[in-house]
Amino acid sequence: MTELQDQLRGLLADRNTPETRAFFEKLLSYIDRRARVVWRSCYADLLCEAQIEEAVGEVLRRLVTGALNSFRGESLGELFAFVRTVTDRCIWRSAHKVIREREVLKGEGGREAETWFHHDGPSPETVEHVPDVPLSQKDQDFFSALLQAESKVEYSRRHGVSRAAVTQRVQRIRRRISELPEDQQGAVDAWLTQQARLHIANTG
């Protein structure tokens, strides 16, 4: 068992020791920073400070009551990627709860709003502000073309490259994104979501 797994077991068993308390605070700090990056990048017009704090608490609750038991990574980077996914989904759910409540109050579009909750990731409809994307134009063009193709197989066919080459390129770009500061990663997330919205609007 790795040192990280030992720390996680200690965190779940007892958060009162100095070691586990320090680890818990480090995790909480990361969750809070990530939640605020996503909030500012995607949901500034939907959620308030109190709702973000509530979402951070929900992320922690999910992690310590079961989610961390499913984590099988061996590095801190893998753990943060796992926590980032849980955090993003909790923020997304909070935003869409607000959207659903607004639709109910309007008395219109309720059925359409309900369908948004069947997705696993942020809905492109909620992105209002997208900061400058820290990707090269070449990477932006690639992701846009991949969205247009709607699959790696179709992209491969259109551009005359192997599917493996497409997968490798995606992995290289994702690795570069993972090395960016958190606020710039949030900017990339927001840009990708906006591109998906534009694609849906143009093909819908």
N, C-alpha and C. Protein backbone atom coordinates (compact mmCIF):
# COMPACT_ATOMS: atom_id res chain seq x y z
N MET A 1 0.85 -1.18 0.00
CA MET A 1 0.00 0.00 0.00
C MET A 1 0.89 1.25 0.00
N THR A 2 0.56 2.27 -0.82
CA THR A 2 1.38 3.46 -0.93
C THR A 2 1.18 4.39 0.26
N GLU A 3 2.09 5.33 0.39
CA GLU A 3 1.98 6.32 1.47
C GLU A 3 0.69 7.13 1.34
N LEU A 4 0.33 7.46 0.09
CA LEU A 4 -0.89 8.21 -0.13
C LEU A 4 -2.12 7.43 0.33
N GLN A 5 -2.17 6.15 0.01
CA GLN A 5 -3.29 5.33 0.44
C GLN A 5 -3.35 5.24 1.97
N ASP A 6 -2.17 5.19 2.61
CA ASP A 6 -2.13 5.20 4.07
C ASP A 6 -2.70 6.51 4.63
N GLN A 7 -2.37 7.62 3.97
CA GLN A 7 -2.88 8.91 4.41
C GLN A 7 -4.40 8.97 4.26
N LEU A 8 -4.90 8.43 3.17
CA LEU A 8 -6.34 8.44 2.94
C LEU A 8 -7.06 7.57 3.97
N ARG A 9 -6.49 6.43 4.27
CA ARG A 9 -7.09 5.57 5.28
C ARG A 9 -7.11 6.27 6.64
N GLY A 10 -6.02 6.96 6.94
CA GLY A 10 -5.97 7.71 8.19
C GLY A 10 -6.98 8.84 8.22
N LEU A 11 -7.15 9.50 7.08
CA LEU A 11 -8.11 10.59 6.98
C LEU A 11 -9.53 10.10 7.22
N LEU A 12 -9.86 8.95 6.66
CA LEU A 12 -11.20 8.41 6.82
C LEU A 12 -11.44 7.86 8.22
N ALA A 13 -10.37 7.42 8.86
CA ALA A 13 -10.52 6.81 10.18
C ALA A 13 -10.53 7.84 11.31
N ASP A 14 -9.65 8.86 11.20
CA ASP A 14 -9.51 9.80 12.32
C ASP A 14 -8.85 11.08 11.82
N ARG A 15 -9.60 12.19 11.86
CA ARG A 15 -9.05 13.45 11.37
C ARG A 15 -8.49 14.30 12.51
N ASN A 16 -8.33 13.73 13.69
CA ASN A 16 -7.89 14.51 14.84
C ASN A 16 -6.39 14.45 15.09
N THR A 17 -5.69 13.56 14.41
CA THR A 17 -4.24 13.53 14.58
C THR A 17 -3.61 14.67 13.79
N PRO A 18 -2.45 15.16 14.20
CA PRO A 18 -1.81 16.28 13.48
C PRO A 18 -1.57 15.96 12.00
N GLU A 19 -1.18 14.73 11.70
CA GLU A 19 -0.88 14.36 10.32
C GLU A 19 -2.14 14.38 9.45
N THR A 20 -3.20 13.73 9.95
CA THR A 20 -4.41 13.67 9.14
C THR A 20 -5.10 15.03 9.07
N ARG A 21 -4.96 15.82 10.14
CA ARG A 21 -5.53 17.16 10.11
C ARG A 21 -4.86 18.01 9.05
N ALA A 22 -3.54 17.93 8.94
CA ALA A 22 -2.80 18.69 7.94
C ALA A 22 -3.19 18.24 6.54
N PHE A 23 -3.35 16.92 6.37
CA PHE A 23 -3.74 16.39 5.07
C PHE A 23 -5.16 16.84 4.71
N PHE A 24 -6.04 16.82 5.69
CA PHE A 24 -7.42 17.26 5.48
C PHE A 24 -7.46 18.73 5.06
N GLU A 25 -6.70 19.57 5.74
CA GLU A 25 -6.69 21.00 5.42
C GLU A 25 -6.12 21.26 4.03
N LYS A 26 -5.14 20.47 3.64
CA LYS A 26 -4.58 20.60 2.29
C LYS A 26 -5.63 20.24 1.24
N LEU A 27 -6.39 19.18 1.50
CA LEU A 27 -7.45 18.76 0.60
C LEU A 27 -8.55 19.81 0.54
N LEU A 28 -8.95 20.33 1.69
CA LEU A 28 -9.99 21.35 1.75
C LEU A 28 -9.58 22.60 0.98
N SER A 29 -8.31 23.00 1.16
CA SER A 29 -7.82 24.18 0.45
C SER A 29 -7.89 23.99 -1.06
N TYR A 30 -7.53 22.80 -1.54
CA TYR A 30 -7.59 22.53 -2.97
C TYR A 30 -9.03 22.57 -3.47
N ILE A 31 -9.96 21.94 -2.73
CA ILE A 31 -11.37 21.92 -3.12
C ILE A 31 -11.92 23.34 -3.21
N ASP A 32 -11.60 24.15 -2.21
CA ASP A 32 -12.10 25.52 -2.19
C ASP A 32 -11.57 26.32 -3.37
N ARG A 33 -10.28 26.19 -3.66
CA ARG A 33 -9.69 26.92 -4.79
C ARG A 33 -10.32 26.48 -6.10
N ARG A 34 -10.47 25.16 -6.27
CA ARG A 34 -11.05 24.64 -7.50
C ARG A 34 -12.50 25.09 -7.68
N ALA A 35 -13.27 25.05 -6.60
CA ALA A 35 -14.67 25.46 -6.67
C ALA A 35 -14.78 26.91 -7.10
N ARG A 36 -13.90 27.75 -6.60
CA ARG A 36 -13.96 29.17 -6.92
C ARG A 36 -13.49 29.45 -8.34
N VAL A 37 -12.56 28.66 -8.83
CA VAL A 37 -12.14 28.80 -10.24
C VAL A 37 -13.30 28.48 -11.17
N VAL A 38 -13.98 27.37 -10.92
CA VAL A 38 -15.12 26.98 -11.76
C VAL A 38 -16.24 28.00 -11.63
N TRP A 39 -16.48 28.46 -10.42
CA TRP A 39 -17.53 29.47 -10.18
C TRP A 39 -17.27 30.73 -11.00
N ARG A 40 -16.06 31.28 -10.87
CA ARG A 40 -15.76 32.53 -11.57
C ARG A 40 -15.76 32.34 -13.08
N SER A 41 -15.31 31.18 -13.54
CA SER A 41 -15.19 30.95 -14.98
C SER A 41 -16.53 30.65 -15.64
N CYS A 42 -17.42 29.95 -14.93
CA CYS A 42 -18.62 29.43 -15.59
C CYS A 42 -19.95 29.86 -14.98
N TYR A 43 -19.99 30.09 -13.67
CA TYR A 43 -21.28 30.25 -13.02
C TYR A 43 -21.38 31.51 -12.17
N ALA A 44 -20.62 32.55 -12.52
CA ALA A 44 -20.62 33.77 -11.71
C ALA A 44 -21.99 34.42 -11.63
N ASP A 45 -22.81 34.26 -12.67
CA ASP A 45 -24.12 34.88 -12.69
C ASP A 45 -25.21 34.01 -12.06
N LEU A 46 -24.84 32.80 -11.66
CA LEU A 46 -25.84 31.87 -11.13
C LEU A 46 -25.71 31.64 -9.63
N LEU A 47 -24.48 31.56 -9.14
CA LEU A 47 -24.25 31.16 -7.76
C LEU A 47 -23.64 32.30 -6.95
N CYS A 48 -23.91 32.28 -5.65
CA CYS A 48 -23.34 33.27 -4.75
C CYS A 48 -22.30 32.62 -3.85
N GLU A 49 -21.64 33.43 -3.06
CA GLU A 49 -20.59 32.94 -2.17
C GLU A 49 -21.09 31.84 -1.24
N ALA A 50 -22.26 32.04 -0.66
CA ALA A 50 -22.80 31.05 0.28
C ALA A 50 -23.05 29.71 -0.41
N GLN A 51 -23.49 29.74 -1.66
CA GLN A 51 -23.74 28.50 -2.39
C GLN A 51 -22.45 27.77 -2.71
N ILE A 52 -21.39 28.51 -2.97
CA ILE A 52 -20.09 27.89 -3.21
C ILE A 52 -19.59 27.23 -1.93
N GLU A 53 -19.73 27.90 -0.80
CA GLU A 53 -19.31 27.32 0.47
C GLU A 53 -20.11 26.05 0.78
N GLU A 54 -21.39 26.09 0.45
CA GLU A 54 -22.23 24.91 0.66
C GLU A 54 -21.78 23.76 -0.25
N ALA A 55 -21.42 24.09 -1.49
CA ALA A 55 -20.96 23.07 -2.43
C ALA A 55 -19.63 22.46 -1.97
N VAL A 56 -18.74 23.29 -1.43
CA VAL A 56 -17.46 22.78 -0.92
C VAL A 56 -17.72 21.79 0.22
N GLY A 57 -18.66 22.13 1.09
CA GLY A 57 -19.03 21.21 2.16
C GLY A 57 -19.59 19.91 1.63
N GLU A 58 -20.38 20.00 0.55
CA GLU A 58 -20.95 18.79 -0.05
C GLU A 58 -19.86 17.92 -0.67
N VAL A 59 -18.87 18.54 -1.28
CA VAL A 59 -17.75 17.78 -1.84
C VAL A 59 -17.04 17.01 -0.73
N LEU A 60 -16.76 17.67 0.36
CA LEU A 60 -16.10 17.01 1.48
C LEU A 60 -16.94 15.85 2.01
N ARG A 61 -18.24 16.09 2.13
CA ARG A 61 -19.12 15.03 2.63
C ARG A 61 -19.07 13.82 1.71
N ARG A 62 -19.14 14.06 0.40
CA ARG A 62 -19.10 12.95 -0.55
C ARG A 62 -17.78 12.19 -0.48
N LEU A 63 -16.70 12.93 -0.32
CA LEU A 63 -15.39 12.28 -0.29
C LEU A 63 -15.23 11.38 0.93
N VAL A 64 -15.58 11.90 2.10
CA VAL A 64 -15.32 11.14 3.33
C VAL A 64 -16.38 10.10 3.63
N THR A 65 -17.51 10.15 2.91
CA THR A 65 -18.57 9.16 3.17
C THR A 65 -18.66 8.10 2.08
N GLY A 66 -17.64 8.03 1.24
CA GLY A 66 -17.68 6.95 0.26
C GLY A 66 -16.85 7.15 -0.99
N ALA A 67 -16.79 8.38 -1.51
CA ALA A 67 -16.12 8.60 -2.78
C ALA A 67 -14.64 8.23 -2.73
N LEU A 68 -13.96 8.58 -1.63
CA LEU A 68 -12.53 8.28 -1.53
C LEU A 68 -12.25 6.78 -1.47
N ASN A 69 -13.25 6.00 -1.07
CA ASN A 69 -13.05 4.55 -1.03
C ASN A 69 -12.86 3.97 -2.43
N SER A 70 -13.36 4.69 -3.43
CA SER A 70 -13.24 4.19 -4.81
C SER A 70 -11.98 4.69 -5.50
N PHE A 71 -11.22 5.56 -4.84
CA PHE A 71 -10.00 6.09 -5.45
C PHE A 71 -8.90 5.04 -5.41
N ARG A 72 -8.27 4.79 -6.55
CA ARG A 72 -7.23 3.77 -6.64
C ARG A 72 -5.89 4.32 -7.12
N GLY A 73 -5.76 5.62 -7.17
CA GLY A 73 -4.51 6.22 -7.62
C GLY A 73 -3.40 6.09 -6.60
N GLU A 74 -2.19 6.43 -7.02
CA GLU A 74 -1.03 6.29 -6.15
C GLU A 74 -0.23 7.57 -5.99
N SER A 75 -0.70 8.65 -6.62
CA SER A 75 0.04 9.91 -6.53
C SER A 75 -0.91 11.04 -6.13
N LEU A 76 -0.32 12.11 -5.61
CA LEU A 76 -1.11 13.27 -5.21
C LEU A 76 -1.77 13.91 -6.43
N GLY A 77 -1.09 13.88 -7.57
CA GLY A 77 -1.67 14.42 -8.79
C GLY A 77 -2.94 13.68 -9.19
N GLU A 78 -2.90 12.35 -9.07
CA GLU A 78 -4.08 11.55 -9.38
C GLU A 78 -5.21 11.84 -8.41
N LEU A 79 -4.85 12.03 -7.14
CA LEU A 79 -5.87 12.34 -6.14
C LEU A 79 -6.53 13.68 -6.45
N PHE A 80 -5.72 14.69 -6.77
CA PHE A 80 -6.29 16.00 -7.07
C PHE A 80 -7.16 15.96 -8.32
N ALA A 81 -6.77 15.16 -9.32
CA ALA A 81 -7.60 15.02 -10.51
C ALA A 81 -8.95 14.39 -10.14
N PHE A 82 -8.92 13.39 -9.26
CA PHE A 82 -10.14 12.74 -8.79
C PHE A 82 -11.02 13.74 -8.03
N VAL A 83 -10.41 14.49 -7.12
CA VAL A 83 -11.15 15.48 -6.33
C VAL A 83 -11.69 16.58 -7.23
N ARG A 84 -10.91 16.96 -8.23
CA ARG A 84 -11.36 18.00 -9.16
C ARG A 84 -12.65 17.58 -9.87
N THR A 85 -12.72 16.31 -10.27
CA THR A 85 -13.92 15.82 -10.94
C THR A 85 -15.13 15.88 -10.00
N VAL A 86 -14.95 15.43 -8.76
CA VAL A 86 -16.04 15.47 -7.79
C VAL A 86 -16.48 16.91 -7.55
N THR A 87 -15.52 17.82 -7.42
CA THR A 87 -15.82 19.22 -7.17
C THR A 87 -16.58 19.84 -8.34
N ASP A 88 -16.10 19.61 -9.56
CA ASP A 88 -16.75 20.19 -10.73
C ASP A 88 -18.19 19.74 -10.84
N ARG A 89 -18.44 18.46 -10.54
CA ARG A 89 -19.80 17.95 -10.65
C ARG A 89 -20.72 18.53 -9.58
N CYS A 90 -20.17 18.74 -8.38
CA CYS A 90 -20.99 19.34 -7.32
C CYS A 90 -21.34 20.78 -7.65
N ILE A 91 -20.38 21.53 -8.18
CA ILE A 91 -20.66 22.91 -8.58
C ILE A 91 -21.69 22.93 -9.71
N TRP A 92 -21.54 22.02 -10.66
CA TRP A 92 -22.49 21.93 -11.77
C TRP A 92 -23.90 21.63 -11.25
N ARG A 93 -24.01 20.69 -10.32
CA ARG A 93 -25.32 20.37 -9.77
C ARG A 93 -25.93 21.57 -9.05
N SER A 94 -25.10 22.32 -8.33
CA SER A 94 -25.60 23.51 -7.64
C SER A 94 -26.13 24.54 -8.64
N ALA A 95 -25.38 24.73 -9.72
CA ALA A 95 -25.81 25.69 -10.73
C ALA A 95 -27.10 25.26 -11.39
N HIS A 96 -27.22 23.98 -11.67
CA HIS A 96 -28.42 23.51 -12.36
C HIS A 96 -29.63 23.42 -11.45
N LYS A 97 -29.39 23.34 -10.17
CA LYS A 97 -30.51 23.45 -9.23
C LYS A 97 -31.11 24.85 -9.31
N VAL A 98 -30.24 25.86 -9.41
CA VAL A 98 -30.71 27.24 -9.55
C VAL A 98 -31.46 27.40 -10.86
N ILE A 99 -30.92 26.83 -11.93
CA ILE A 99 -31.57 26.94 -13.24
C ILE A 99 -32.94 26.29 -13.20
N ARG A 100 -33.03 25.11 -12.59
CA ARG A 100 -34.31 24.41 -12.53
C ARG A 100 -35.33 25.22 -11.72
N GLU A 101 -34.88 25.79 -10.62
CA GLU A 101 -35.79 26.60 -9.80
C GLU A 101 -36.28 27.81 -10.58
N ARG A 102 -35.41 28.42 -11.35
CA ARG A 102 -35.82 29.57 -12.15
C ARG A 102 -36.84 29.17 -13.20
N GLU A 103 -36.61 28.02 -13.83
CA GLU A 103 -37.54 27.56 -14.84
C GLU A 103 -38.90 27.24 -14.24
N VAL A 104 -38.89 26.65 -13.05
CA VAL A 104 -40.16 26.35 -12.38
C VAL A 104 -40.91 27.63 -12.07
N LEU A 105 -40.19 28.64 -11.61
CA LEU A 105 -40.83 29.91 -11.29
C LEU A 105 -41.40 30.57 -12.54
N LYS A 106 -40.70 30.41 -13.64
CA LYS A 106 -41.20 30.96 -14.89
C LYS A 106 -42.44 30.21 -15.39
N GLY A 107 -42.49 28.93 -15.05
CA GLY A 107 -43.59 28.12 -15.54
C GLY A 107 -43.41 27.66 -16.96
N GLU A 108 -42.19 27.82 -17.48
CA GLU A 108 -41.92 27.44 -18.87
C GLU A 108 -40.63 26.64 -18.93
N GLY A 109 -40.57 25.76 -19.88
CA GLY A 109 -39.33 25.02 -20.14
C GLY A 109 -38.96 24.03 -19.07
N GLY A 110 -39.89 23.66 -18.22
CA GLY A 110 -39.56 22.75 -17.13
C GLY A 110 -39.05 21.41 -17.61
N ARG A 111 -39.67 20.86 -18.64
CA ARG A 111 -39.25 19.55 -19.14
C ARG A 111 -37.85 19.61 -19.71
N GLU A 112 -37.55 20.68 -20.44
CA GLU A 112 -36.21 20.81 -21.01
C GLU A 112 -35.17 20.94 -19.91
N ALA A 113 -35.47 21.73 -18.87
CA ALA A 113 -34.54 21.90 -17.77
C ALA A 113 -34.25 20.57 -17.09
N GLU A 114 -35.27 19.74 -16.96
CA GLU A 114 -35.07 18.44 -16.32
C GLU A 114 -34.09 17.58 -17.08
N THR A 115 -34.09 17.69 -18.41
CA THR A 115 -33.19 16.84 -19.20
C THR A 115 -31.74 17.18 -18.96
N TRP A 116 -31.45 18.40 -18.52
CA TRP A 116 -30.05 18.77 -18.28
C TRP A 116 -29.44 17.93 -17.18
N PHE A 117 -30.26 17.41 -16.28
CA PHE A 117 -29.73 16.68 -15.13
C PHE A 117 -29.32 15.26 -15.49
N HIS A 118 -29.51 14.85 -16.73
CA HIS A 118 -29.10 13.51 -17.13
C HIS A 118 -27.65 13.49 -17.63
N HIS A 119 -27.02 14.65 -17.70
CA HIS A 119 -25.64 14.73 -18.17
C HIS A 119 -24.68 14.58 -17.00
N ASP A 120 -23.45 14.14 -17.28
CA ASP A 120 -22.44 13.94 -16.26
C ASP A 120 -21.55 15.15 -16.07
N GLY A 121 -21.60 16.07 -16.98
CA GLY A 121 -20.70 17.21 -16.88
C GLY A 121 -21.44 18.51 -17.00
N PRO A 122 -20.74 19.64 -16.96
CA PRO A 122 -21.37 20.95 -17.01
C PRO A 122 -22.15 21.14 -18.30
N SER A 123 -23.31 21.73 -18.20
CA SER A 123 -24.11 22.02 -19.39
C SER A 123 -23.56 23.25 -20.08
N PRO A 124 -23.40 23.22 -21.40
CA PRO A 124 -22.89 24.37 -22.11
C PRO A 124 -23.81 25.56 -22.02
N GLU A 125 -25.09 25.36 -21.69
CA GLU A 125 -26.02 26.46 -21.64
C GLU A 125 -25.73 27.43 -20.50
N THR A 126 -24.95 27.01 -19.51
CA THR A 126 -24.76 27.84 -18.33
C THR A 126 -23.52 28.71 -18.40
N VAL A 127 -22.74 28.60 -19.42
CA VAL A 127 -21.49 29.36 -19.48
C VAL A 127 -21.79 30.77 -19.96
N GLU A 128 -21.52 31.75 -19.11
CA GLU A 128 -21.79 33.13 -19.45
C GLU A 128 -20.51 33.90 -19.77
N HIS A 129 -19.47 33.62 -18.99
CA HIS A 129 -18.22 34.36 -19.16
C HIS A 129 -17.09 33.38 -19.42
N VAL A 130 -16.38 33.56 -20.50
CA VAL A 130 -15.26 32.69 -20.81
C VAL A 130 -14.00 33.54 -20.93
N PRO A 131 -13.04 33.37 -20.02
CA PRO A 131 -11.80 34.14 -20.08
C PRO A 131 -10.94 33.70 -21.25
N ASP A 132 -9.86 34.45 -21.50
CA ASP A 132 -8.94 34.07 -22.56
C ASP A 132 -8.44 32.66 -22.34
N VAL A 133 -8.50 31.84 -23.38
CA VAL A 133 -8.12 30.44 -23.22
C VAL A 133 -6.61 30.30 -23.38
N PRO A 134 -5.95 29.65 -22.42
CA PRO A 134 -4.49 29.50 -22.48
C PRO A 134 -4.06 28.30 -23.32
N LEU A 135 -4.63 28.16 -24.50
CA LEU A 135 -4.24 27.11 -25.43
C LEU A 135 -3.71 27.76 -26.70
N SER A 136 -2.78 27.09 -27.34
CA SER A 136 -2.30 27.61 -28.62
C SER A 136 -3.43 27.55 -29.64
N GLN A 137 -3.31 28.36 -30.68
CA GLN A 137 -4.33 28.34 -31.72
C GLN A 137 -4.43 26.97 -32.37
N LYS A 138 -3.30 26.30 -32.49
CA LYS A 138 -3.28 24.96 -33.08
C LYS A 138 -4.09 23.99 -32.24
N ASP A 139 -3.94 24.06 -30.91
CA ASP A 139 -4.70 23.18 -30.02
C ASP A 139 -6.18 23.54 -30.05
N GLN A 140 -6.49 24.83 -30.09
CA GLN A 140 -7.89 25.25 -30.17
C GLN A 140 -8.54 24.72 -31.45
N ASP A 141 -7.82 24.85 -32.57
CA ASP A 141 -8.37 24.37 -33.85
C ASP A 141 -8.59 22.87 -33.81
N PHE A 142 -7.67 22.15 -33.17
CA PHE A 142 -7.81 20.69 -33.09
C PHE A 142 -9.05 20.31 -32.29
N PHE A 143 -9.24 20.91 -31.12
CA PHE A 143 -10.40 20.57 -30.30
C PHE A 143 -11.71 20.97 -31.00
N SER A 144 -11.69 22.09 -31.68
CA SER A 144 -12.89 22.51 -32.41
C SER A 144 -13.23 21.51 -33.51
N ALA A 145 -12.21 21.04 -34.22
CA ALA A 145 -12.43 20.06 -35.27
C ALA A 145 -12.90 18.73 -34.70
N LEU A 146 -12.37 18.37 -33.54
CA LEU A 146 -12.78 17.13 -32.89
C LEU A 146 -14.25 17.21 -32.46
N LEU A 147 -14.66 18.37 -31.98
CA LEU A 147 -16.07 18.56 -31.62
C LEU A 147 -16.96 18.45 -32.85
N GLN A 148 -16.52 19.05 -33.93
CA GLN A 148 -17.30 18.99 -35.16
C GLN A 148 -17.44 17.55 -35.66
N ALA A 149 -16.37 16.78 -35.52
CA ALA A 149 -16.41 15.38 -35.98
C ALA A 149 -17.25 14.51 -35.05
N GLU A 150 -17.32 14.88 -33.76
CA GLU A 150 -18.13 14.21 -32.74
C GLU A 150 -17.58 12.86 -32.29
N SER A 151 -16.47 12.42 -32.85
CA SER A 151 -15.83 11.20 -32.38
C SER A 151 -14.41 11.15 -32.93
N LYS A 152 -13.55 10.40 -32.24
CA LYS A 152 -12.18 10.25 -32.72
C LYS A 152 -12.14 9.48 -34.03
N VAL A 153 -13.06 8.52 -34.16
CA VAL A 153 -13.11 7.73 -35.40
C VAL A 153 -13.42 8.60 -36.59
N GLU A 154 -14.44 9.48 -36.42
CA GLU A 154 -14.84 10.35 -37.53
C GLU A 154 -13.76 11.37 -37.82
N TYR A 155 -13.11 11.89 -36.78
CA TYR A 155 -12.01 12.83 -37.00
C TYR A 155 -10.89 12.15 -37.78
N SER A 156 -10.59 10.90 -37.40
CA SER A 156 -9.54 10.15 -38.10
C SER A 156 -9.87 10.00 -39.57
N ARG A 157 -11.13 9.69 -39.86
CA ARG A 157 -11.55 9.50 -41.25
C ARG A 157 -11.44 10.80 -42.04
N ARG A 158 -11.90 11.89 -41.43
CA ARG A 158 -11.89 13.17 -42.15
C ARG A 158 -10.49 13.70 -42.41
N HIS A 159 -9.58 13.45 -41.48
CA HIS A 159 -8.27 14.07 -41.57
C HIS A 159 -7.17 13.10 -41.99
N GLY A 160 -7.55 11.85 -42.26
CA GLY A 160 -6.58 10.89 -42.77
C GLY A 160 -5.49 10.52 -41.80
N VAL A 161 -5.83 10.43 -40.53
CA VAL A 161 -4.86 10.01 -39.51
C VAL A 161 -5.43 8.83 -38.75
N SER A 162 -4.56 8.13 -38.04
CA SER A 162 -5.03 6.98 -37.28
C SER A 162 -5.73 7.43 -36.01
N ARG A 163 -6.61 6.58 -35.51
CA ARG A 163 -7.29 6.89 -34.25
C ARG A 163 -6.28 6.97 -33.10
N ALA A 164 -5.26 6.12 -33.17
CA ALA A 164 -4.23 6.14 -32.12
C ALA A 164 -3.52 7.49 -32.09
N ALA A 165 -3.28 8.05 -33.28
CA ALA A 165 -2.61 9.36 -33.35
C ALA A 165 -3.48 10.44 -32.74
N VAL A 166 -4.79 10.34 -32.97
CA VAL A 166 -5.72 11.32 -32.38
C VAL A 166 -5.71 11.19 -30.86
N THR A 167 -5.78 9.96 -30.37
CA THR A 167 -5.76 9.72 -28.93
C THR A 167 -4.48 10.26 -28.30
N GLN A 168 -3.35 10.02 -28.94
CA GLN A 168 -2.08 10.49 -28.41
C GLN A 168 -2.03 12.02 -28.36
N ARG A 169 -2.61 12.65 -29.39
CA ARG A 169 -2.61 14.12 -29.40
C ARG A 169 -3.49 14.67 -28.28
N VAL A 170 -4.64 14.05 -28.08
CA VAL A 170 -5.51 14.47 -26.99
C VAL A 170 -4.79 14.33 -25.65
N GLN A 171 -4.10 13.21 -25.47
CA GLN A 171 -3.39 12.97 -24.21
C GLN A 171 -2.28 14.00 -24.00
N ARG A 172 -1.58 14.36 -25.08
CA ARG A 172 -0.50 15.35 -24.95
C ARG A 172 -1.06 16.70 -24.54
N ILE A 173 -2.18 17.09 -25.15
CA ILE A 173 -2.78 18.38 -24.82
C ILE A 173 -3.30 18.37 -23.39
N ARG A 174 -3.95 17.26 -23.01
CA ARG A 174 -4.46 17.16 -21.63
C ARG A 174 -3.33 17.23 -20.62
N ARG A 175 -2.19 16.64 -20.96
CA ARG A 175 -1.04 16.69 -20.05
C ARG A 175 -0.55 18.13 -19.90
N ARG A 176 -0.52 18.87 -21.02
CA ARG A 176 -0.10 20.27 -20.94
C ARG A 176 -1.10 21.08 -20.11
N ILE A 177 -2.39 20.77 -20.28
CA ILE A 177 -3.42 21.49 -19.52
C ILE A 177 -3.26 21.20 -18.02
N SER A 178 -2.97 19.94 -17.68
CA SER A 178 -2.83 19.56 -16.27
C SER A 178 -1.67 20.27 -15.60
N GLU A 179 -0.72 20.76 -16.38
CA GLU A 179 0.44 21.45 -15.83
C GLU A 179 0.21 22.95 -15.68
N LEU A 180 -0.95 23.43 -16.14
CA LEU A 180 -1.27 24.85 -16.03
C LEU A 180 -1.71 25.17 -14.61
N PRO A 181 -1.61 26.44 -14.19
CA PRO A 181 -2.19 26.85 -12.90
C PRO A 181 -3.69 26.58 -12.89
N GLU A 182 -4.28 26.47 -11.71
CA GLU A 182 -5.68 26.08 -11.59
C GLU A 182 -6.62 27.06 -12.29
N ASP A 183 -6.33 28.39 -12.20
CA ASP A 183 -7.23 29.34 -12.84
C ASP A 183 -7.20 29.19 -14.35
N GLN A 184 -6.04 28.85 -14.91
CA GLN A 184 -5.96 28.65 -16.35
C GLN A 184 -6.62 27.34 -16.77
N GLN A 185 -6.55 26.30 -15.91
CA GLN A 185 -7.29 25.07 -16.19
C GLN A 185 -8.79 25.36 -16.23
N GLY A 186 -9.25 26.20 -15.32
CA GLY A 186 -10.66 26.58 -15.32
C GLY A 186 -11.04 27.33 -16.59
N ALA A 187 -10.13 28.16 -17.09
CA ALA A 187 -10.38 28.89 -18.33
C ALA A 187 -10.51 27.92 -19.50
N VAL A 188 -9.68 26.88 -19.51
CA VAL A 188 -9.77 25.87 -20.57
C VAL A 188 -11.11 25.15 -20.49
N ASP A 189 -11.51 24.76 -19.26
CA ASP A 189 -12.80 24.09 -19.08
C ASP A 189 -13.94 24.95 -19.62
N ALA A 190 -13.90 26.24 -19.28
CA ALA A 190 -14.96 27.15 -19.72
C ALA A 190 -14.97 27.28 -21.24
N TRP A 191 -13.79 27.37 -21.85
CA TRP A 191 -13.72 27.50 -23.31
C TRP A 191 -14.25 26.25 -24.00
N LEU A 192 -13.86 25.07 -23.50
CA LEU A 192 -14.35 23.83 -24.10
C LEU A 192 -15.87 23.72 -23.99
N THR A 193 -16.41 24.15 -22.85
CA THR A 193 -17.85 24.11 -22.66
C THR A 193 -18.54 25.06 -23.63
N GLN A 194 -17.96 26.24 -23.83
CA GLN A 194 -18.54 27.19 -24.77
C GLN A 194 -18.50 26.64 -26.19
N GLN A 195 -17.40 25.98 -26.56
CA GLN A 195 -17.31 25.40 -27.90
C GLN A 195 -18.37 24.32 -28.10
N ALA A 196 -18.61 23.53 -27.05
CA ALA A 196 -19.65 22.51 -27.14
C ALA A 196 -21.02 23.15 -27.33
N ARG A 197 -21.27 24.25 -26.61
CA ARG A 197 -22.55 24.96 -26.76
C ARG A 197 -22.73 25.46 -28.19
N LEU A 198 -21.68 26.05 -28.75
CA LEU A 198 -21.76 26.55 -30.11
C LEU A 198 -22.01 25.43 -31.11
N HIS A 199 -21.35 24.29 -30.87
CA HIS A 199 -21.55 23.15 -31.76
C HIS A 199 -22.99 22.66 -31.72
N ILE A 200 -23.55 22.55 -30.50
CA ILE A 200 -24.94 22.10 -30.35
C ILE A 200 -25.87 23.09 -31.03
N ALA A 201 -25.61 24.40 -30.85
CA ALA A 201 -26.47 25.42 -31.44
C ALA A 201 -26.43 25.35 -32.96
N ASN A 202 -25.27 25.07 -33.52
CA ASN A 202 -25.12 25.04 -34.98
C ASN A 202 -25.66 23.77 -35.62
N THR A 203 -25.75 22.70 -34.82
CA THR A 203 -26.20 21.42 -35.39
C THR A 203 -27.58 21.02 -34.91
N GLY A 204 -28.11 21.77 -33.93
CA GLY A 204 -29.40 21.40 -33.34
C GLY A 204 -30.58 21.71 -34.25
